[in-house]
């Protein structure tokens, strides 16, 4: 079994989504939007993405991403 990812301020958004695609719902919830051509957000750290997207509560954003990683949706 693969070790779960620990999310920090320096974790790259792309690394989270590569392993936990369902975490995109957290980005959406916090107003962190991107389209397939917006590479900057994907290469950004959690801290940078929060700043670029004017996320008001960086700590809540970080914790919500960690929760998504820790609690993936049930397999269909």
PDB file of N, CA and C in Angstrom:
ATOM      1  N   UNK A   1       0.841  -1.180   0.000  1.00  0.00           N
ATOM      2  CA  UNK A   1       0.000   0.000   0.000  1.00  0.00           C
ATOM      3  C   UNK A   1       0.888   1.245   0.000  1.00  0.00           C
ATOM      4  N   UNK A   2       0.568   2.190  -0.846  1.00  0.00           N
ATOM      5  CA  UNK A   2       1.352   3.418  -0.952  1.00  0.00           C
ATOM      6  C   UNK A   2       1.148   4.289   0.283  1.00  0.00           C
ATOM      7  N   UNK A   3       2.217   4.936   0.681  1.00  0.00           N
ATOM      8  CA  UNK A   3       2.130   5.869   1.803  1.00  0.00           C
ATOM      9  C   UNK A   3       1.297   7.071   1.410  1.00  0.00           C
ATOM     10  N   UNK A   4       0.464   7.529   2.338  1.00  0.00           N
ATOM     11  CA  UNK A   4      -0.345   8.706   2.027  1.00  0.00           C
ATOM     12  C   UNK A   4       0.537   9.941   1.987  1.00  0.00           C
ATOM     13  N   UNK A   5       0.140  10.887   1.184  1.00  0.00           N
ATOM     14  CA  UNK A   5       0.893  12.117   1.013  1.00  0.00           C
ATOM     15  C   UNK A   5       0.635  13.048   2.197  1.00  0.00           C
ATOM     16  N   UNK A   6       1.677  13.688   2.683  1.00  0.00           N
ATOM     17  CA  UNK A   6       1.521  14.715   3.709  1.00  0.00           C
ATOM     18  C   UNK A   6       1.555  16.058   3.005  1.00  0.00           C
ATOM     19  N   UNK A   7       0.485  16.820   3.138  1.00  0.00           N
ATOM     20  CA  UNK A   7       0.362  18.111   2.474  1.00  0.00           C
ATOM     21  C   UNK A   7       0.994  19.187   3.355  1.00  0.00           C
ATOM     22  N   UNK A   8       1.892  19.979   2.752  1.00  0.00           N
ATOM     23  CA  UNK A   8       2.503  21.115   3.440  1.00  0.00           C
ATOM     24  C   UNK A   8       2.312  22.349   2.569  1.00  0.00           C
ATOM     25  N   UNK A   9       2.746  23.483   3.073  1.00  0.00           N
ATOM     26  CA  UNK A   9       2.642  24.726   2.292  1.00  0.00           C
ATOM     27  C   UNK A   9       3.429  24.644   0.995  1.00  0.00           C
ATOM     28  N   UNK A  10       4.431  23.806   0.954  1.00  0.00           N
ATOM     29  CA  UNK A  10       5.305  23.710  -0.213  1.00  0.00           C
ATOM     30  C   UNK A  10       4.919  22.581  -1.173  1.00  0.00           C
ATOM     31  N   UNK A  11       3.893  21.810  -0.840  1.00  0.00           N
ATOM     32  CA  UNK A  11       3.454  20.725  -1.714  1.00  0.00           C
ATOM     33  C   UNK A  11       2.906  21.323  -3.008  1.00  0.00           C
ATOM     34  N   UNK A  12       3.282  20.759  -4.119  1.00  0.00           N
ATOM     35  CA  UNK A  12       2.807  21.254  -5.412  1.00  0.00           C
ATOM     36  C   UNK A  12       1.409  20.708  -5.703  1.00  0.00           C
ATOM     37  N   UNK A  13       0.564  21.597  -6.194  1.00  0.00           N
ATOM     38  CA  UNK A  13      -0.820  21.229  -6.525  1.00  0.00           C
ATOM     39  C   UNK A  13      -0.832  20.053  -7.496  1.00  0.00           C
ATOM     40  N   UNK A  14       0.043  20.073  -8.479  1.00  0.00           N
ATOM     41  CA  UNK A  14       0.070  18.983  -9.455  1.00  0.00           C
ATOM     42  C   UNK A  14       0.370  17.642  -8.803  1.00  0.00           C
ATOM     43  N   UNK A  15       1.219  17.638  -7.776  1.00  0.00           N
ATOM     44  CA  UNK A  15       1.548  16.393  -7.087  1.00  0.00           C
ATOM     45  C   UNK A  15       0.335  15.845  -6.337  1.00  0.00           C
ATOM     46  N   UNK A  16      -0.441  16.744  -5.754  1.00  0.00           N
ATOM     47  CA  UNK A  16      -1.662  16.319  -5.061  1.00  0.00           C
ATOM     48  C   UNK A  16      -2.642  15.719  -6.063  1.00  0.00           C
ATOM     49  N   UNK A  17      -2.892  16.441  -7.155  1.00  0.00           N
ATOM     50  CA  UNK A  17      -3.897  15.992  -8.126  1.00  0.00           C
ATOM     51  C   UNK A  17      -3.462  14.748  -8.887  1.00  0.00           C
ATOM     52  N   UNK A  18      -2.166  14.564  -9.070  1.00  0.00           N
ATOM     53  CA  UNK A  18      -1.692  13.337  -9.717  1.00  0.00           C
ATOM     54  C   UNK A  18      -2.094  12.110  -8.912  1.00  0.00           C
ATOM     55  N   UNK A  19      -1.979  12.201  -7.596  1.00  0.00           N
ATOM     56  CA  UNK A  19      -2.285  11.053  -6.733  1.00  0.00           C
ATOM     57  C   UNK A  19      -3.722  11.033  -6.242  1.00  0.00           C
ATOM     58  N   UNK A  20      -4.332  12.209  -6.108  1.00  0.00           N
ATOM     59  CA  UNK A  20      -5.673  12.325  -5.533  1.00  0.00           C
ATOM     60  C   UNK A  20      -6.530  13.261  -6.389  1.00  0.00           C
ATOM     61  N   UNK A  21      -6.918  12.851  -7.584  1.00  0.00           N
ATOM     62  CA  UNK A  21      -7.661  13.745  -8.480  1.00  0.00           C
ATOM     63  C   UNK A  21      -8.946  14.291  -7.870  1.00  0.00           C
ATOM     64  N   UNK A  22      -9.528  13.567  -6.935  1.00  0.00           N
ATOM     65  CA  UNK A  22     -10.767  14.036  -6.303  1.00  0.00           C
ATOM     66  C   UNK A  22     -10.540  15.310  -5.487  1.00  0.00           C
ATOM     67  N   UNK A  23      -9.295  15.623  -5.156  1.00  0.00           N
ATOM     68  CA  UNK A  23      -8.998  16.827  -4.377  1.00  0.00           C
ATOM     69  C   UNK A  23      -9.265  18.102  -5.174  1.00  0.00           C
ATOM     70  N   UNK A  24      -9.524  17.978  -6.461  1.00  0.00           N
ATOM     71  CA  UNK A  24      -9.865  19.155  -7.265  1.00  0.00           C
ATOM     72  C   UNK A  24     -11.122  19.822  -6.713  1.00  0.00           C
ATOM     73  N   UNK A  25     -11.984  19.059  -6.054  1.00  0.00           N
ATOM     74  CA  UNK A  25     -13.185  19.631  -5.441  1.00  0.00           C
ATOM     75  C   UNK A  25     -12.812  20.643  -4.358  1.00  0.00           C
ATOM     76  N   UNK A  26     -11.711  20.400  -3.647  1.00  0.00           N
ATOM     77  CA  UNK A  26     -11.256  21.347  -2.623  1.00  0.00           C
ATOM     78  C   UNK A  26     -10.779  22.635  -3.289  1.00  0.00           C
ATOM     79  N   UNK A  27     -10.051  22.506  -4.383  1.00  0.00           N
ATOM     80  CA  UNK A  27      -9.595  23.704  -5.102  1.00  0.00           C
ATOM     81  C   UNK A  27     -10.805  24.540  -5.503  1.00  0.00           C
ATOM     82  N   UNK A  28     -11.792  23.879  -6.056  1.00  0.00           N
ATOM     83  CA  UNK A  28     -13.016  24.545  -6.492  1.00  0.00           C
ATOM     84  C   UNK A  28     -13.706  25.232  -5.310  1.00  0.00           C
ATOM     85  N   UNK A  29     -13.798  24.547  -4.197  1.00  0.00           N
ATOM     86  CA  UNK A  29     -14.448  25.080  -2.995  1.00  0.00           C
ATOM     87  C   UNK A  29     -13.770  26.357  -2.503  1.00  0.00           C
ATOM     88  N   UNK A  30     -12.457  26.434  -2.662  1.00  0.00           N
ATOM     89  CA  UNK A  30     -11.703  27.589  -2.185  1.00  0.00           C
ATOM     90  C   UNK A  30     -11.448  28.630  -3.286  1.00  0.00           C
ATOM     91  N   UNK A  31     -12.050  28.440  -4.449  1.00  0.00           N
ATOM     92  CA  UNK A  31     -11.904  29.421  -5.522  1.00  0.00           C
ATOM     93  C   UNK A  31     -10.573  29.357  -6.234  1.00  0.00           C
ATOM     94  N   UNK A  32      -9.899  28.219  -6.183  1.00  0.00           N
ATOM     95  CA  UNK A  32      -8.637  28.034  -6.902  1.00  0.00           C
ATOM     96  C   UNK A  32      -8.998  27.377  -8.226  1.00  0.00           C
ATOM     97  N   UNK A  33      -9.124  28.200  -9.253  1.00  0.00           N
ATOM     98  CA  UNK A  33      -9.578  27.724 -10.546  1.00  0.00           C
ATOM     99  C   UNK A  33      -8.432  27.667 -11.546  1.00  0.00           C
ATOM    100  N   UNK A  34      -8.523  26.732 -12.440  1.00  0.00           N
ATOM    101  CA  UNK A  34      -7.583  26.669 -13.539  1.00  0.00           C
ATOM    102  C   UNK A  34      -8.234  25.889 -14.670  1.00  0.00           C
ATOM    103  N   UNK A  35      -7.727  26.125 -15.843  1.00  0.00           N
ATOM    104  CA  UNK A  35      -8.175  25.339 -16.980  1.00  0.00           C
ATOM    105  C   UNK A  35      -6.964  24.549 -17.472  1.00  0.00           C
ATOM    106  N   UNK A  36      -7.149  23.692 -18.440  1.00  0.00           N
ATOM    107  CA  UNK A  36      -6.022  22.858 -18.877  1.00  0.00           C
ATOM    108  C   UNK A  36      -4.792  23.654 -19.324  1.00  0.00           C
ATOM    109  N   UNK A  37      -4.967  24.907 -19.635  1.00  0.00           N
ATOM    110  CA  UNK A  37      -3.855  25.713 -20.116  1.00  0.00           C
ATOM    111  C   UNK A  37      -3.225  26.564 -19.019  1.00  0.00           C
ATOM    112  N   UNK A  38      -3.750  26.484 -17.829  1.00  0.00           N
ATOM    113  CA  UNK A  38      -3.209  27.265 -16.722  1.00  0.00           C
ATOM    114  C   UNK A  38      -2.220  26.413 -15.950  1.00  0.00           C
ATOM    115  N   UNK A  39      -1.025  26.393 -16.451  1.00  0.00           N
ATOM    116  CA  UNK A  39       0.023  25.540 -15.901  1.00  0.00           C
ATOM    117  C   UNK A  39       0.587  26.091 -14.594  1.00  0.00           C
ATOM    118  N   UNK A  40       0.454  27.377 -14.392  1.00  0.00           N
ATOM    119  CA  UNK A  40       1.039  28.015 -13.216  1.00  0.00           C
ATOM    120  C   UNK A  40       0.478  27.409 -11.935  1.00  0.00           C
ATOM    121  N   UNK A  41      -0.836  27.257 -11.839  1.00  0.00           N
ATOM    122  CA  UNK A  41      -1.433  26.692 -10.628  1.00  0.00           C
ATOM    123  C   UNK A  41      -0.989  25.248 -10.412  1.00  0.00           C
ATOM    124  N   UNK A  42      -0.848  24.504 -11.478  1.00  0.00           N
ATOM    125  CA  UNK A  42      -0.445  23.109 -11.322  1.00  0.00           C
ATOM    126  C   UNK A  42       0.984  22.977 -10.817  1.00  0.00           C
ATOM    127  N   UNK A  43       1.835  23.894 -11.183  1.00  0.00           N
ATOM    128  CA  UNK A  43       3.234  23.854 -10.750  1.00  0.00           C
ATOM    129  C   UNK A  43       3.440  24.588  -9.433  1.00  0.00           C
ATOM    130  N   UNK A  44       2.408  25.255  -8.946  1.00  0.00           N
ATOM    131  CA  UNK A  44       2.520  26.035  -7.718  1.00  0.00           C
ATOM    132  C   UNK A  44       2.487  25.138  -6.490  1.00  0.00           C
ATOM    133  N   UNK A  45       3.074  25.633  -5.422  1.00  0.00           N
ATOM    134  CA  UNK A  45       2.914  24.965  -4.138  1.00  0.00           C
ATOM    135  C   UNK A  45       1.524  25.336  -3.601  1.00  0.00           C
ATOM    136  N   UNK A  46       1.107  24.664  -2.555  1.00  0.00           N
ATOM    137  CA  UNK A  46      -0.175  24.986  -1.931  1.00  0.00           C
ATOM    138  C   UNK A  46      -0.166  26.451  -1.498  1.00  0.00           C
ATOM    139  N   UNK A  47       0.914  26.870  -0.884  1.00  0.00           N
ATOM    140  CA  UNK A  47       1.037  28.257  -0.418  1.00  0.00           C
ATOM    141  C   UNK A  47       0.946  29.246  -1.590  1.00  0.00           C
ATOM    142  N   UNK A  48       1.661  28.959  -2.669  1.00  0.00           N
ATOM    143  CA  UNK A  48       1.634  29.858  -3.830  1.00  0.00           C
ATOM    144  C   UNK A  48       0.246  29.900  -4.457  1.00  0.00           C
ATOM    145  N   UNK A  49      -0.382  28.742  -4.621  1.00  0.00           N
ATOM    146  CA  UNK A  49      -1.717  28.697  -5.226  1.00  0.00           C
ATOM    147  C   UNK A  49      -2.719  29.478  -4.386  1.00  0.00           C
ATOM    148  N   UNK A  50      -2.604  29.361  -3.074  1.00  0.00           N
ATOM    149  CA  UNK A  50      -3.497  30.119  -2.190  1.00  0.00           C
ATOM    150  C   UNK A  50      -3.290  31.620  -2.407  1.00  0.00           C
ATOM    151  N   UNK A  51      -2.049  32.030  -2.495  1.00  0.00           N
ATOM    152  CA  UNK A  51      -1.750  33.442  -2.718  1.00  0.00           C
ATOM    153  C   UNK A  51      -2.206  33.930  -4.082  1.00  0.00           C
ATOM    154  N   UNK A  52      -1.922  33.172  -5.120  1.00  0.00           N
ATOM    155  CA  UNK A  52      -2.315  33.552  -6.484  1.00  0.00           C
ATOM    156  C   UNK A  52      -3.831  33.678  -6.617  1.00  0.00           C
ATOM    157  N   UNK A  53      -4.563  32.876  -5.854  1.00  0.00           N
ATOM    158  CA  UNK A  53      -6.013  32.805  -6.000  1.00  0.00           C
ATOM    159  C   UNK A  53      -6.771  33.489  -4.865  1.00  0.00           C
ATOM    160  N   UNK A  54      -6.062  34.283  -4.097  1.00  0.00           N
ATOM    161  CA  UNK A  54      -6.658  35.087  -3.024  1.00  0.00           C
ATOM    162  C   UNK A  54      -7.466  34.253  -2.034  1.00  0.00           C
ATOM    163  N   UNK A  55      -6.960  33.054  -1.719  1.00  0.00           N
ATOM    164  CA  UNK A  55      -7.601  32.237  -0.687  1.00  0.00           C
ATOM    165  C   UNK A  55      -7.375  32.955   0.642  1.00  0.00           C
ATOM    166  N   UNK A  56      -8.469  33.250   1.335  1.00  0.00           N
ATOM    167  CA  UNK A  56      -8.362  34.033   2.568  1.00  0.00           C
ATOM    168  C   UNK A  56      -7.796  33.227   3.730  1.00  0.00           C
ATOM    169  N   UNK A  57      -8.164  31.961   3.823  1.00  0.00           N
ATOM    170  CA  UNK A  57      -7.735  31.144   4.952  1.00  0.00           C
ATOM    171  C   UNK A  57      -6.798  30.039   4.452  1.00  0.00           C
ATOM    172  N   UNK A  58      -5.523  30.352   4.397  1.00  0.00           N
ATOM    173  CA  UNK A  58      -4.531  29.401   3.882  1.00  0.00           C
ATOM    174  C   UNK A  58      -4.502  28.123   4.715  1.00  0.00           C
ATOM    175  N   UNK A  59      -4.628  28.268   6.026  1.00  0.00           N
ATOM    176  CA  UNK A  59      -4.578  27.112   6.917  1.00  0.00           C
ATOM    177  C   UNK A  59      -5.767  26.176   6.661  1.00  0.00           C
ATOM    178  N   UNK A  60      -6.954  26.725   6.487  1.00  0.00           N
ATOM    179  CA  UNK A  60      -8.138  25.908   6.200  1.00  0.00           C
ATOM    180  C   UNK A  60      -7.991  25.202   4.858  1.00  0.00           C
ATOM    181  N   UNK A  61      -7.408  25.897   3.894  1.00  0.00           N
ATOM    182  CA  UNK A  61      -7.164  25.321   2.574  1.00  0.00           C
ATOM    183  C   UNK A  61      -6.221  24.127   2.692  1.00  0.00           C
ATOM    184  N   UNK A  62      -5.125  24.311   3.411  1.00  0.00           N
ATOM    185  CA  UNK A  62      -4.151  23.248   3.627  1.00  0.00           C
ATOM    186  C   UNK A  62      -4.805  22.047   4.313  1.00  0.00           C
ATOM    187  N   UNK A  63      -5.571  22.308   5.351  1.00  0.00           N
ATOM    188  CA  UNK A  63      -6.220  21.218   6.091  1.00  0.00           C
ATOM    189  C   UNK A  63      -7.278  20.513   5.245  1.00  0.00           C
ATOM    190  N   UNK A  64      -8.008  21.253   4.437  1.00  0.00           N
ATOM    191  CA  UNK A  64      -9.026  20.640   3.573  1.00  0.00           C
ATOM    192  C   UNK A  64      -8.376  19.737   2.527  1.00  0.00           C
ATOM    193  N   UNK A  65      -7.241  20.152   1.987  1.00  0.00           N
ATOM    194  CA  UNK A  65      -6.523  19.300   1.036  1.00  0.00           C
ATOM    195  C   UNK A  65      -6.035  18.031   1.719  1.00  0.00           C
ATOM    196  N   UNK A  66      -5.509  18.184   2.929  1.00  0.00           N
ATOM    197  CA  UNK A  66      -5.044  17.003   3.668  1.00  0.00           C
ATOM    198  C   UNK A  66      -6.205  16.057   3.949  1.00  0.00           C
ATOM    199  N   UNK A  67      -7.355  16.594   4.308  1.00  0.00           N
ATOM    200  CA  UNK A  67      -8.538  15.774   4.585  1.00  0.00           C
ATOM    201  C   UNK A  67      -8.961  15.007   3.332  1.00  0.00           C
ATOM    202  N   UNK A  68      -8.905  15.669   2.177  1.00  0.00           N
ATOM    203  CA  UNK A  68      -9.263  15.008   0.913  1.00  0.00           C
ATOM    204  C   UNK A  68      -8.306  13.859   0.623  1.00  0.00           C
ATOM    205  N   UNK A  69      -7.032  14.043   0.936  1.00  0.00           N
ATOM    206  CA  UNK A  69      -6.023  13.011   0.718  1.00  0.00           C
ATOM    207  C   UNK A  69      -6.247  11.850   1.693  1.00  0.00           C
ATOM    208  N   UNK A  70      -6.585  12.172   2.927  1.00  0.00           N
ATOM    209  CA  UNK A  70      -6.775  11.160   3.955  1.00  0.00           C
ATOM    210  C   UNK A  70      -8.083  10.381   3.801  1.00  0.00           C
ATOM    211  N   UNK A  71      -9.067  10.981   3.152  1.00  0.00           N
ATOM    212  CA  UNK A  71     -10.397  10.382   3.044  1.00  0.00           C
ATOM    213  C   UNK A  71     -10.875  10.368   1.596  1.00  0.00           C
ATOM    214  N   UNK A  72     -10.275   9.537   0.750  1.00  0.00           N
ATOM    215  CA  UNK A  72     -10.705   9.503  -0.648  1.00  0.00           C
ATOM    216  C   UNK A  72     -12.148   9.002  -0.759  1.00  0.00           C
ATOM    217  N   UNK A  73     -12.811   9.337  -1.849  1.00  0.00           N
ATOM    218  CA  UNK A  73     -14.182   8.872  -2.023  1.00  0.00           C
ATOM    219  C   UNK A  73     -14.207   7.351  -2.180  1.00  0.00           C
ATOM    220  N   UNK A  74     -15.336   6.741  -1.872  1.00  0.00           N
ATOM    221  CA  UNK A  74     -15.418   5.278  -2.025  1.00  0.00           C
ATOM    222  C   UNK A  74     -15.287   4.880  -3.495  1.00  0.00           C
ATOM    223  N   UNK A  75     -14.690   3.741  -3.708  1.00  0.00           N
ATOM    224  CA  UNK A  75     -14.536   3.237  -5.083  1.00  0.00           C
ATOM    225  C   UNK A  75     -15.907   2.815  -5.604  1.00  0.00           C
ATOM    226  N   UNK A  76     -16.146   3.111  -6.847  1.00  0.00           N
ATOM    227  CA  UNK A  76     -17.447   2.779  -7.452  1.00  0.00           C
ATOM    228  C   UNK A  76     -17.462   1.354  -7.931  1.00  0.00           C
TER     229      UNK A  76
END
